[in-house]
């Protein structure tokens, strides 16, 4: 199931430096970001292989997650919050507020065949067989 991490943040008189490392299995293969989405809805899918790490750099966004066993809503509103989504986590980003900027990193490159649009069926859970624990 998706889980929220607090990223390491170094603060000094020159600003904050936040580090996103060792949060996904494998190597980072893709980085993308969402801007100008206030009032929009994004996502609405899960993956066969890809893990995602989402961070809201500015503003805030709600991320609804359902893996077929558990469902939760996470509000990302600080740049040191990082939501880890496993492949089986169907997710929907809603309520983009205050000119939100959401950055996402993935351990897989883009592959249209990796996307599954429907939510997992609670009776026939299709959880990914991949298991991994981040190193903090």
C-alpha atoms as a PDB file:
ATOM      1  CA  UNK A   1       0.000   0.000   0.000  1.00  0.00           C
ATOM      2  CA  UNK A   2       1.086   3.566  -0.611  1.00  0.00           C
ATOM      3  CA  UNK A   3       2.961   5.200   2.220  1.00  0.00           C
ATOM      4  CA  UNK A   4       4.115   8.695   3.063  1.00  0.00           C
ATOM      5  CA  UNK A   5       7.762   9.489   3.786  1.00  0.00           C
ATOM      6  CA  UNK A   6       9.374  12.604   5.187  1.00  0.00           C
ATOM      7  CA  UNK A   7      12.358  13.463   3.029  1.00  0.00           C
ATOM      8  CA  UNK A   8      15.624  14.687   4.499  1.00  0.00           C
ATOM      9  CA  UNK A   9      15.695  18.464   4.452  1.00  0.00           C
ATOM     10  CA  UNK A  10      18.746  20.635   5.125  1.00  0.00           C
ATOM     11  CA  UNK A  11      17.909  24.204   6.096  1.00  0.00           C
ATOM     12  CA  UNK A  12      20.258  27.162   6.255  1.00  0.00           C
ATOM     13  CA  UNK A  13      20.213  30.901   5.611  1.00  0.00           C
ATOM     14  CA  UNK A  14      20.547  30.178   1.858  1.00  0.00           C
ATOM     15  CA  UNK A  15      17.321  28.155   1.761  1.00  0.00           C
ATOM     16  CA  UNK A  16      16.152  24.557   2.072  1.00  0.00           C
ATOM     17  CA  UNK A  17      17.735  21.625   0.260  1.00  0.00           C
ATOM     18  CA  UNK A  18      15.457  18.562   0.191  1.00  0.00           C
ATOM     19  CA  UNK A  19      16.860  15.190  -0.868  1.00  0.00           C
ATOM     20  CA  UNK A  20      14.875  12.511  -2.695  1.00  0.00           C
ATOM     21  CA  UNK A  21      17.039   9.386  -2.860  1.00  0.00           C
ATOM     22  CA  UNK A  22      16.747   5.646  -2.217  1.00  0.00           C
ATOM     23  CA  UNK A  23      12.937   5.745  -2.118  1.00  0.00           C
ATOM     24  CA  UNK A  24      12.185   3.407  -5.054  1.00  0.00           C
ATOM     25  CA  UNK A  25      13.538  -0.009  -6.043  1.00  0.00           C
ATOM     26  CA  UNK A  26      16.036  -0.013  -8.921  1.00  0.00           C
ATOM     27  CA  UNK A  27      17.194   3.133 -10.640  1.00  0.00           C
ATOM     28  CA  UNK A  28      15.201   6.228 -11.530  1.00  0.00           C
ATOM     29  CA  UNK A  29      14.158   6.032 -15.178  1.00  0.00           C
ATOM     30  CA  UNK A  30      11.629   8.829 -15.526  1.00  0.00           C
ATOM     31  CA  UNK A  31      10.903  12.245 -14.039  1.00  0.00           C
ATOM     32  CA  UNK A  32       7.821  14.308 -14.872  1.00  0.00           C
ATOM     33  CA  UNK A  33       5.906  17.122 -13.257  1.00  0.00           C
ATOM     34  CA  UNK A  34       2.385  18.506 -13.248  1.00  0.00           C
ATOM     35  CA  UNK A  35       1.693  22.248 -13.284  1.00  0.00           C
ATOM     36  CA  UNK A  36      -1.270  24.528 -14.033  1.00  0.00           C
ATOM     37  CA  UNK A  37      -3.734  21.848 -12.909  1.00  0.00           C
ATOM     38  CA  UNK A  38      -5.736  23.729 -10.251  1.00  0.00           C
ATOM     39  CA  UNK A  39      -9.245  22.281 -10.331  1.00  0.00           C
ATOM     40  CA  UNK A  40      -8.210  19.334 -12.540  1.00  0.00           C
ATOM     41  CA  UNK A  41      -8.077  15.595 -11.869  1.00  0.00           C
ATOM     42  CA  UNK A  42      -5.080  13.519 -12.967  1.00  0.00           C
ATOM     43  CA  UNK A  43      -4.079   9.872 -12.744  1.00  0.00           C
ATOM     44  CA  UNK A  44      -6.915   7.373 -12.435  1.00  0.00           C
ATOM     45  CA  UNK A  45      -4.713   4.344 -13.055  1.00  0.00           C
ATOM     46  CA  UNK A  46      -2.268   1.869 -11.553  1.00  0.00           C
ATOM     47  CA  UNK A  47       0.691   0.047 -13.069  1.00  0.00           C
ATOM     48  CA  UNK A  48       1.912  -3.450 -13.806  1.00  0.00           C
ATOM     49  CA  UNK A  49       5.570  -2.706 -12.974  1.00  0.00           C
ATOM     50  CA  UNK A  50       6.207   0.977 -12.274  1.00  0.00           C
ATOM     51  CA  UNK A  51       6.685   2.409  -8.791  1.00  0.00           C
ATOM     52  CA  UNK A  52       6.149   6.175  -8.344  1.00  0.00           C
ATOM     53  CA  UNK A  53       7.301   8.756  -5.817  1.00  0.00           C
ATOM     54  CA  UNK A  54       5.155  11.922  -5.727  1.00  0.00           C
ATOM     55  CA  UNK A  55       6.122  15.205  -4.075  1.00  0.00           C
ATOM     56  CA  UNK A  56       4.196  18.482  -4.139  1.00  0.00           C
ATOM     57  CA  UNK A  57       6.816  21.215  -4.422  1.00  0.00           C
ATOM     58  CA  UNK A  58       4.329  24.088  -4.224  1.00  0.00           C
ATOM     59  CA  UNK A  59       0.680  24.334  -3.240  1.00  0.00           C
ATOM     60  CA  UNK A  60      -1.148  21.137  -2.338  1.00  0.00           C
ATOM     61  CA  UNK A  61      -2.903  18.144  -3.873  1.00  0.00           C
ATOM     62  CA  UNK A  62      -4.981  15.205  -2.613  1.00  0.00           C
ATOM     63  CA  UNK A  63      -3.991  11.721  -3.772  1.00  0.00           C
ATOM     64  CA  UNK A  64      -6.631   8.989  -3.476  1.00  0.00           C
ATOM     65  CA  UNK A  65      -5.161   5.482  -3.404  1.00  0.00           C
ATOM     66  CA  UNK A  66      -6.861   2.061  -3.583  1.00  0.00           C
ATOM     67  CA  UNK A  67      -4.942  -1.221  -3.859  1.00  0.00           C
ATOM     68  CA  UNK A  68      -7.922  -3.554  -3.575  1.00  0.00           C
ATOM     69  CA  UNK A  69      -7.332  -4.204   0.123  1.00  0.00           C
ATOM     70  CA  UNK A  70      -6.967  -0.709   1.542  1.00  0.00           C
ATOM     71  CA  UNK A  71      -7.984   2.764   0.432  1.00  0.00           C
ATOM     72  CA  UNK A  72      -6.722   6.117   1.698  1.00  0.00           C
ATOM     73  CA  UNK A  73      -6.405   9.776   0.812  1.00  0.00           C
ATOM     74  CA  UNK A  74      -3.074  11.559   1.262  1.00  0.00           C
ATOM     75  CA  UNK A  75      -2.748  15.337   1.155  1.00  0.00           C
ATOM     76  CA  UNK A  76       0.639  16.488  -0.102  1.00  0.00           C
ATOM     77  CA  UNK A  77       1.270  20.070   1.015  1.00  0.00           C
ATOM     78  CA  UNK A  78       4.960  20.294   1.964  1.00  0.00           C
ATOM     79  CA  UNK A  79       7.983  19.701  -0.280  1.00  0.00           C
ATOM     80  CA  UNK A  80       9.510  17.244   2.197  1.00  0.00           C
ATOM     81  CA  UNK A  81       6.503  14.882   1.916  1.00  0.00           C
ATOM     82  CA  UNK A  82       6.958  12.026  -0.538  1.00  0.00           C
ATOM     83  CA  UNK A  83       4.172   9.560  -1.354  1.00  0.00           C
ATOM     84  CA  UNK A  84       5.437   6.167  -2.531  1.00  0.00           C
ATOM     85  CA  UNK A  85       3.019   4.346  -4.839  1.00  0.00           C
ATOM     86  CA  UNK A  86       3.491   0.635  -5.484  1.00  0.00           C
ATOM     87  CA  UNK A  87       2.456  -0.754  -8.894  1.00  0.00           C
ATOM     88  CA  UNK A  88      -0.871  -2.086  -7.539  1.00  0.00           C
ATOM     89  CA  UNK A  89      -1.845   1.309  -6.101  1.00  0.00           C
ATOM     90  CA  UNK A  90      -4.612   2.815  -8.254  1.00  0.00           C
ATOM     91  CA  UNK A  91      -4.267   6.558  -7.715  1.00  0.00           C
ATOM     92  CA  UNK A  92      -6.175   9.715  -8.503  1.00  0.00           C
ATOM     93  CA  UNK A  93      -4.795  13.225  -7.973  1.00  0.00           C
ATOM     94  CA  UNK A  94      -7.504  15.794  -7.151  1.00  0.00           C
ATOM     95  CA  UNK A  95      -7.928  19.186  -5.542  1.00  0.00           C
ATOM     96  CA  UNK A  96      -4.797  20.794  -6.958  1.00  0.00           C
ATOM     97  CA  UNK A  97      -4.589  24.056  -5.003  1.00  0.00           C
ATOM     98  CA  UNK A  98      -2.502  27.235  -4.902  1.00  0.00           C
ATOM     99  CA  UNK A  99      -0.798  26.637  -8.276  1.00  0.00           C
ATOM    100  CA  UNK A 100       0.402  23.207  -7.189  1.00  0.00           C
ATOM    101  CA  UNK A 101       3.560  21.779  -8.702  1.00  0.00           C
ATOM    102  CA  UNK A 102       3.777  17.991  -8.364  1.00  0.00           C
ATOM    103  CA  UNK A 103       6.937  16.156  -9.352  1.00  0.00           C
ATOM    104  CA  UNK A 104       6.890  12.397  -9.945  1.00  0.00           C
ATOM    105  CA  UNK A 105       9.791  10.007 -10.336  1.00  0.00           C
ATOM    106  CA  UNK A 106       9.521   6.410 -11.483  1.00  0.00           C
ATOM    107  CA  UNK A 107      11.766   3.387 -11.662  1.00  0.00           C
ATOM    108  CA  UNK A 108      10.363   2.623 -15.142  1.00  0.00           C
ATOM    109  CA  UNK A 109      10.313   4.610 -18.370  1.00  0.00           C
ATOM    110  CA  UNK A 110       6.981   5.409 -20.006  1.00  0.00           C
ATOM    111  CA  UNK A 111       5.231   2.334 -21.418  1.00  0.00           C
ATOM    112  CA  UNK A 112       1.534   2.580 -22.337  1.00  0.00           C
ATOM    113  CA  UNK A 113       1.197  -1.204 -21.798  1.00  0.00           C
ATOM    114  CA  UNK A 114       2.136  -0.730 -18.107  1.00  0.00           C
ATOM    115  CA  UNK A 115      -1.036   1.278 -17.332  1.00  0.00           C
ATOM    116  CA  UNK A 116      -4.192  -0.304 -15.882  1.00  0.00           C
ATOM    117  CA  UNK A 117      -7.118   2.103 -15.745  1.00  0.00           C
ATOM    118  CA  UNK A 118      -9.577   0.186 -13.590  1.00  0.00           C
ATOM    119  CA  UNK A 119      -9.372   0.050  -9.827  1.00  0.00           C
ATOM    120  CA  UNK A 120      -8.348  -3.309  -8.392  1.00  0.00           C
ATOM    121  CA  UNK A 121     -11.252  -5.627  -7.620  1.00  0.00           C
ATOM    122  CA  UNK A 122     -11.456  -6.252  -3.884  1.00  0.00           C
ATOM    123  CA  UNK A 123     -12.632  -9.815  -4.515  1.00  0.00           C
ATOM    124  CA  UNK A 124      -9.884 -10.660  -7.016  1.00  0.00           C
ATOM    125  CA  UNK A 125      -6.919  -8.674  -5.788  1.00  0.00           C
ATOM    126  CA  UNK A 126      -4.258  -8.285  -8.472  1.00  0.00           C
ATOM    127  CA  UNK A 127      -1.474  -7.036  -6.216  1.00  0.00           C
ATOM    128  CA  UNK A 128       1.956  -6.890  -7.755  1.00  0.00           C
ATOM    129  CA  UNK A 129       4.276  -9.622  -6.568  1.00  0.00           C
ATOM    130  CA  UNK A 130       7.140  -7.152  -6.148  1.00  0.00           C
ATOM    131  CA  UNK A 131       8.118  -6.434  -2.592  1.00  0.00           C
ATOM    132  CA  UNK A 132      10.688  -3.830  -1.631  1.00  0.00           C
ATOM    133  CA  UNK A 133      11.514  -1.735   1.414  1.00  0.00           C
ATOM    134  CA  UNK A 134      13.166   1.667   1.076  1.00  0.00           C
ATOM    135  CA  UNK A 135      16.514   2.273   2.761  1.00  0.00           C
ATOM    136  CA  UNK A 136      16.287   5.332   4.997  1.00  0.00           C
END
